[in-house]
């Protein structure tokens, strides 16, 4: 995995979502928990572009992969 220097704020910007710390916390609270059997890209709340970005981040082990993994963990609690 490539280690990037991106932040959650930048990840949310990439996803086209509000990206302040308070808005990120609100997003996580609104959409948690994701059921165990649902892979993150297939969660109901992503649009097609967001889901594709997440799939690519994971499958290509991109610089975003670590943050996407962290977001996955947050959304499952």
N, C-alpha and C. Protein backbone atom coordinates (compact mmCIF):
# COMPACT_ATOMS: atom_id res chain seq x y z
N UNK A 1 0.84 -1.18 0.00
CA UNK A 1 0.00 0.00 0.00
C UNK A 1 0.88 1.24 0.00
N UNK A 2 0.54 2.18 -0.83
CA UNK A 2 1.24 3.45 -0.83
C UNK A 2 0.79 4.28 0.36
N UNK A 3 1.73 4.89 1.01
CA UNK A 3 1.38 5.74 2.13
C UNK A 3 1.26 7.17 1.64
N UNK A 4 0.07 7.69 1.71
CA UNK A 4 -0.18 9.05 1.26
C UNK A 4 -0.22 10.00 2.43
N UNK A 5 -0.34 11.24 2.11
CA UNK A 5 -0.42 12.25 3.15
C UNK A 5 -1.78 12.92 3.12
N UNK A 6 -2.74 12.24 2.55
CA UNK A 6 -4.08 12.81 2.47
C UNK A 6 -4.78 12.76 3.82
N UNK A 7 -5.78 13.60 3.95
CA UNK A 7 -6.58 13.68 5.17
C UNK A 7 -8.00 13.24 4.88
N UNK A 8 -8.77 13.01 5.93
CA UNK A 8 -10.18 12.70 5.75
C UNK A 8 -10.90 13.84 5.04
N UNK A 9 -10.51 15.06 5.34
CA UNK A 9 -11.12 16.20 4.68
C UNK A 9 -10.93 16.11 3.17
N UNK A 10 -9.72 15.76 2.75
CA UNK A 10 -9.44 15.62 1.31
C UNK A 10 -10.18 14.44 0.71
N UNK A 11 -10.30 13.35 1.45
CA UNK A 11 -11.08 12.21 0.96
C UNK A 11 -12.52 12.61 0.72
N UNK A 12 -13.11 13.31 1.65
CA UNK A 12 -14.49 13.74 1.49
C UNK A 12 -14.63 14.74 0.34
N UNK A 13 -13.63 15.57 0.14
CA UNK A 13 -13.65 16.47 -1.02
C UNK A 13 -13.61 15.66 -2.31
N UNK A 14 -12.77 14.63 -2.36
CA UNK A 14 -12.69 13.76 -3.54
C UNK A 14 -14.04 13.10 -3.82
N UNK A 15 -14.77 12.79 -2.75
CA UNK A 15 -16.08 12.16 -2.89
C UNK A 15 -17.19 13.16 -3.16
N UNK A 16 -16.84 14.45 -3.16
CA UNK A 16 -17.83 15.49 -3.42
C UNK A 16 -18.77 15.71 -2.24
N UNK A 17 -18.27 15.46 -1.05
CA UNK A 17 -19.07 15.60 0.17
C UNK A 17 -18.56 16.75 1.02
N UNK A 18 -19.43 17.30 1.88
CA UNK A 18 -18.97 18.32 2.81
C UNK A 18 -17.79 17.75 3.62
N UNK A 19 -16.80 18.58 3.87
CA UNK A 19 -15.54 18.02 4.36
C UNK A 19 -15.00 18.64 5.65
N UNK A 20 -15.79 19.43 6.34
CA UNK A 20 -15.29 19.93 7.63
C UNK A 20 -15.33 18.78 8.64
N UNK A 21 -14.52 18.84 9.68
CA UNK A 21 -14.56 17.77 10.69
C UNK A 21 -15.97 17.51 11.23
N UNK A 22 -16.73 18.56 11.48
CA UNK A 22 -18.09 18.39 11.99
C UNK A 22 -18.99 17.70 10.96
N UNK A 23 -18.82 18.06 9.69
CA UNK A 23 -19.64 17.45 8.63
C UNK A 23 -19.26 15.99 8.42
N UNK A 24 -17.99 15.67 8.55
CA UNK A 24 -17.55 14.28 8.43
C UNK A 24 -18.13 13.47 9.57
N UNK A 25 -18.07 14.00 10.78
CA UNK A 25 -18.64 13.30 11.94
C UNK A 25 -20.13 13.08 11.75
N UNK A 26 -20.83 14.08 11.25
CA UNK A 26 -22.27 13.95 11.01
C UNK A 26 -22.55 12.87 9.97
N UNK A 27 -21.76 12.83 8.90
CA UNK A 27 -21.92 11.82 7.86
C UNK A 27 -21.77 10.43 8.46
N UNK A 28 -20.73 10.23 9.24
CA UNK A 28 -20.47 8.93 9.85
C UNK A 28 -21.63 8.55 10.78
N UNK A 29 -22.10 9.48 11.57
CA UNK A 29 -23.22 9.19 12.48
C UNK A 29 -24.49 8.85 11.71
N UNK A 30 -24.75 9.57 10.62
CA UNK A 30 -25.96 9.35 9.83
C UNK A 30 -25.97 8.00 9.13
N UNK A 31 -24.81 7.51 8.73
CA UNK A 31 -24.74 6.33 7.88
C UNK A 31 -24.19 5.09 8.58
N UNK A 32 -23.97 5.17 9.87
CA UNK A 32 -23.47 4.02 10.63
C UNK A 32 -24.61 3.32 11.34
N UNK A 33 -24.49 2.06 11.55
CA UNK A 33 -23.45 1.17 11.05
C UNK A 33 -23.86 0.54 9.72
N UNK A 34 -22.86 0.26 8.90
CA UNK A 34 -23.07 -0.51 7.69
C UNK A 34 -23.09 -1.98 8.11
N UNK A 35 -24.00 -2.74 7.56
CA UNK A 35 -24.06 -4.16 7.89
C UNK A 35 -22.79 -4.88 7.44
N UNK A 36 -22.40 -5.90 8.19
CA UNK A 36 -21.15 -6.61 7.94
C UNK A 36 -21.06 -7.18 6.54
N UNK A 37 -22.17 -7.64 6.00
CA UNK A 37 -22.14 -8.32 4.70
C UNK A 37 -22.09 -7.34 3.51
N UNK A 38 -22.18 -6.06 3.77
CA UNK A 38 -22.17 -5.05 2.70
C UNK A 38 -20.77 -4.47 2.56
N UNK A 39 -20.15 -4.66 1.40
CA UNK A 39 -18.86 -4.05 1.14
C UNK A 39 -19.03 -2.54 1.02
N UNK A 40 -18.06 -1.79 1.49
CA UNK A 40 -18.17 -0.33 1.53
C UNK A 40 -18.64 0.30 0.22
N UNK A 41 -18.10 -0.08 -0.93
CA UNK A 41 -18.55 0.58 -2.16
C UNK A 41 -20.03 0.34 -2.49
N UNK A 42 -20.63 -0.67 -1.87
CA UNK A 42 -22.02 -1.02 -2.18
C UNK A 42 -23.00 -0.51 -1.12
N UNK A 43 -22.51 0.31 -0.21
CA UNK A 43 -23.42 0.92 0.77
C UNK A 43 -24.43 1.79 0.03
N UNK A 44 -25.63 1.83 0.54
CA UNK A 44 -26.75 2.48 -0.14
C UNK A 44 -26.58 3.97 -0.37
N UNK A 45 -25.73 4.63 0.38
CA UNK A 45 -25.69 6.09 0.34
C UNK A 45 -24.72 6.68 -0.67
N UNK A 46 -23.90 5.85 -1.33
CA UNK A 46 -22.98 6.38 -2.34
C UNK A 46 -23.68 6.53 -3.68
N UNK A 47 -23.31 7.57 -4.42
CA UNK A 47 -23.76 7.64 -5.81
C UNK A 47 -22.78 6.81 -6.65
N UNK A 48 -23.04 6.67 -7.93
CA UNK A 48 -22.21 5.81 -8.78
C UNK A 48 -20.75 6.25 -8.81
N UNK A 49 -20.51 7.54 -8.93
CA UNK A 49 -19.13 8.04 -8.99
C UNK A 49 -18.38 7.80 -7.68
N UNK A 50 -19.06 8.02 -6.56
CA UNK A 50 -18.43 7.79 -5.27
C UNK A 50 -18.10 6.31 -5.08
N UNK A 51 -19.03 5.45 -5.44
CA UNK A 51 -18.80 4.01 -5.31
C UNK A 51 -17.63 3.57 -6.18
N UNK A 52 -17.56 4.10 -7.37
CA UNK A 52 -16.46 3.76 -8.28
C UNK A 52 -15.12 4.23 -7.73
N UNK A 53 -15.08 5.42 -7.18
CA UNK A 53 -13.85 5.94 -6.58
C UNK A 53 -13.38 5.02 -5.45
N UNK A 54 -14.31 4.60 -4.61
CA UNK A 54 -13.96 3.73 -3.48
C UNK A 54 -13.49 2.37 -3.98
N UNK A 55 -14.18 1.81 -4.96
CA UNK A 55 -13.76 0.52 -5.54
C UNK A 55 -12.34 0.62 -6.10
N UNK A 56 -12.07 1.67 -6.84
CA UNK A 56 -10.74 1.85 -7.44
C UNK A 56 -9.68 2.06 -6.37
N UNK A 57 -9.99 2.83 -5.37
CA UNK A 57 -9.02 3.07 -4.29
C UNK A 57 -8.60 1.76 -3.65
N UNK A 58 -9.57 0.87 -3.47
CA UNK A 58 -9.28 -0.43 -2.84
C UNK A 58 -8.57 -1.36 -3.82
N UNK A 59 -9.12 -1.51 -5.00
CA UNK A 59 -8.58 -2.51 -5.94
C UNK A 59 -7.20 -2.13 -6.47
N UNK A 60 -6.93 -0.84 -6.60
CA UNK A 60 -5.64 -0.39 -7.10
C UNK A 60 -4.64 -0.10 -5.98
N UNK A 61 -5.09 -0.31 -4.73
CA UNK A 61 -4.25 -0.02 -3.58
C UNK A 61 -3.66 1.38 -3.71
N UNK A 62 -4.53 2.31 -4.04
CA UNK A 62 -4.10 3.69 -4.32
C UNK A 62 -3.71 4.43 -3.05
N UNK A 63 -3.27 5.65 -3.26
CA UNK A 63 -2.89 6.50 -2.13
C UNK A 63 -4.07 6.79 -1.21
N UNK A 64 -5.29 6.55 -1.66
CA UNK A 64 -6.50 6.78 -0.87
C UNK A 64 -6.91 5.54 -0.08
N UNK A 65 -6.31 4.41 -0.37
CA UNK A 65 -6.75 3.14 0.19
C UNK A 65 -6.78 3.14 1.73
N UNK A 66 -5.75 3.65 2.36
CA UNK A 66 -5.69 3.68 3.82
C UNK A 66 -6.83 4.47 4.43
N UNK A 67 -7.12 5.62 3.85
CA UNK A 67 -8.22 6.44 4.36
C UNK A 67 -9.57 5.78 4.09
N UNK A 68 -9.72 5.15 2.94
CA UNK A 68 -10.96 4.44 2.63
C UNK A 68 -11.15 3.31 3.64
N UNK A 69 -10.08 2.59 3.97
CA UNK A 69 -10.16 1.53 4.98
C UNK A 69 -10.56 2.10 6.34
N UNK A 70 -10.00 3.23 6.70
CA UNK A 70 -10.34 3.86 7.98
C UNK A 70 -11.81 4.30 7.99
N UNK A 71 -12.27 4.83 6.87
CA UNK A 71 -13.67 5.23 6.77
C UNK A 71 -14.58 4.02 6.91
N UNK A 72 -14.19 2.91 6.29
CA UNK A 72 -14.95 1.67 6.40
C UNK A 72 -15.09 1.26 7.86
N UNK A 73 -14.00 1.31 8.60
CA UNK A 73 -14.04 0.94 10.02
C UNK A 73 -14.98 1.87 10.79
N UNK A 74 -14.86 3.18 10.55
CA UNK A 74 -15.73 4.14 11.24
C UNK A 74 -17.21 3.90 10.95
N UNK A 75 -17.51 3.54 9.72
CA UNK A 75 -18.92 3.35 9.33
C UNK A 75 -19.49 2.02 9.81
N UNK A 76 -18.69 1.18 10.38
CA UNK A 76 -19.19 -0.11 10.87
C UNK A 76 -19.40 -0.12 12.38
N UNK A 77 -19.08 0.99 13.03
CA UNK A 77 -19.28 1.07 14.50
C UNK A 77 -20.50 1.87 14.85
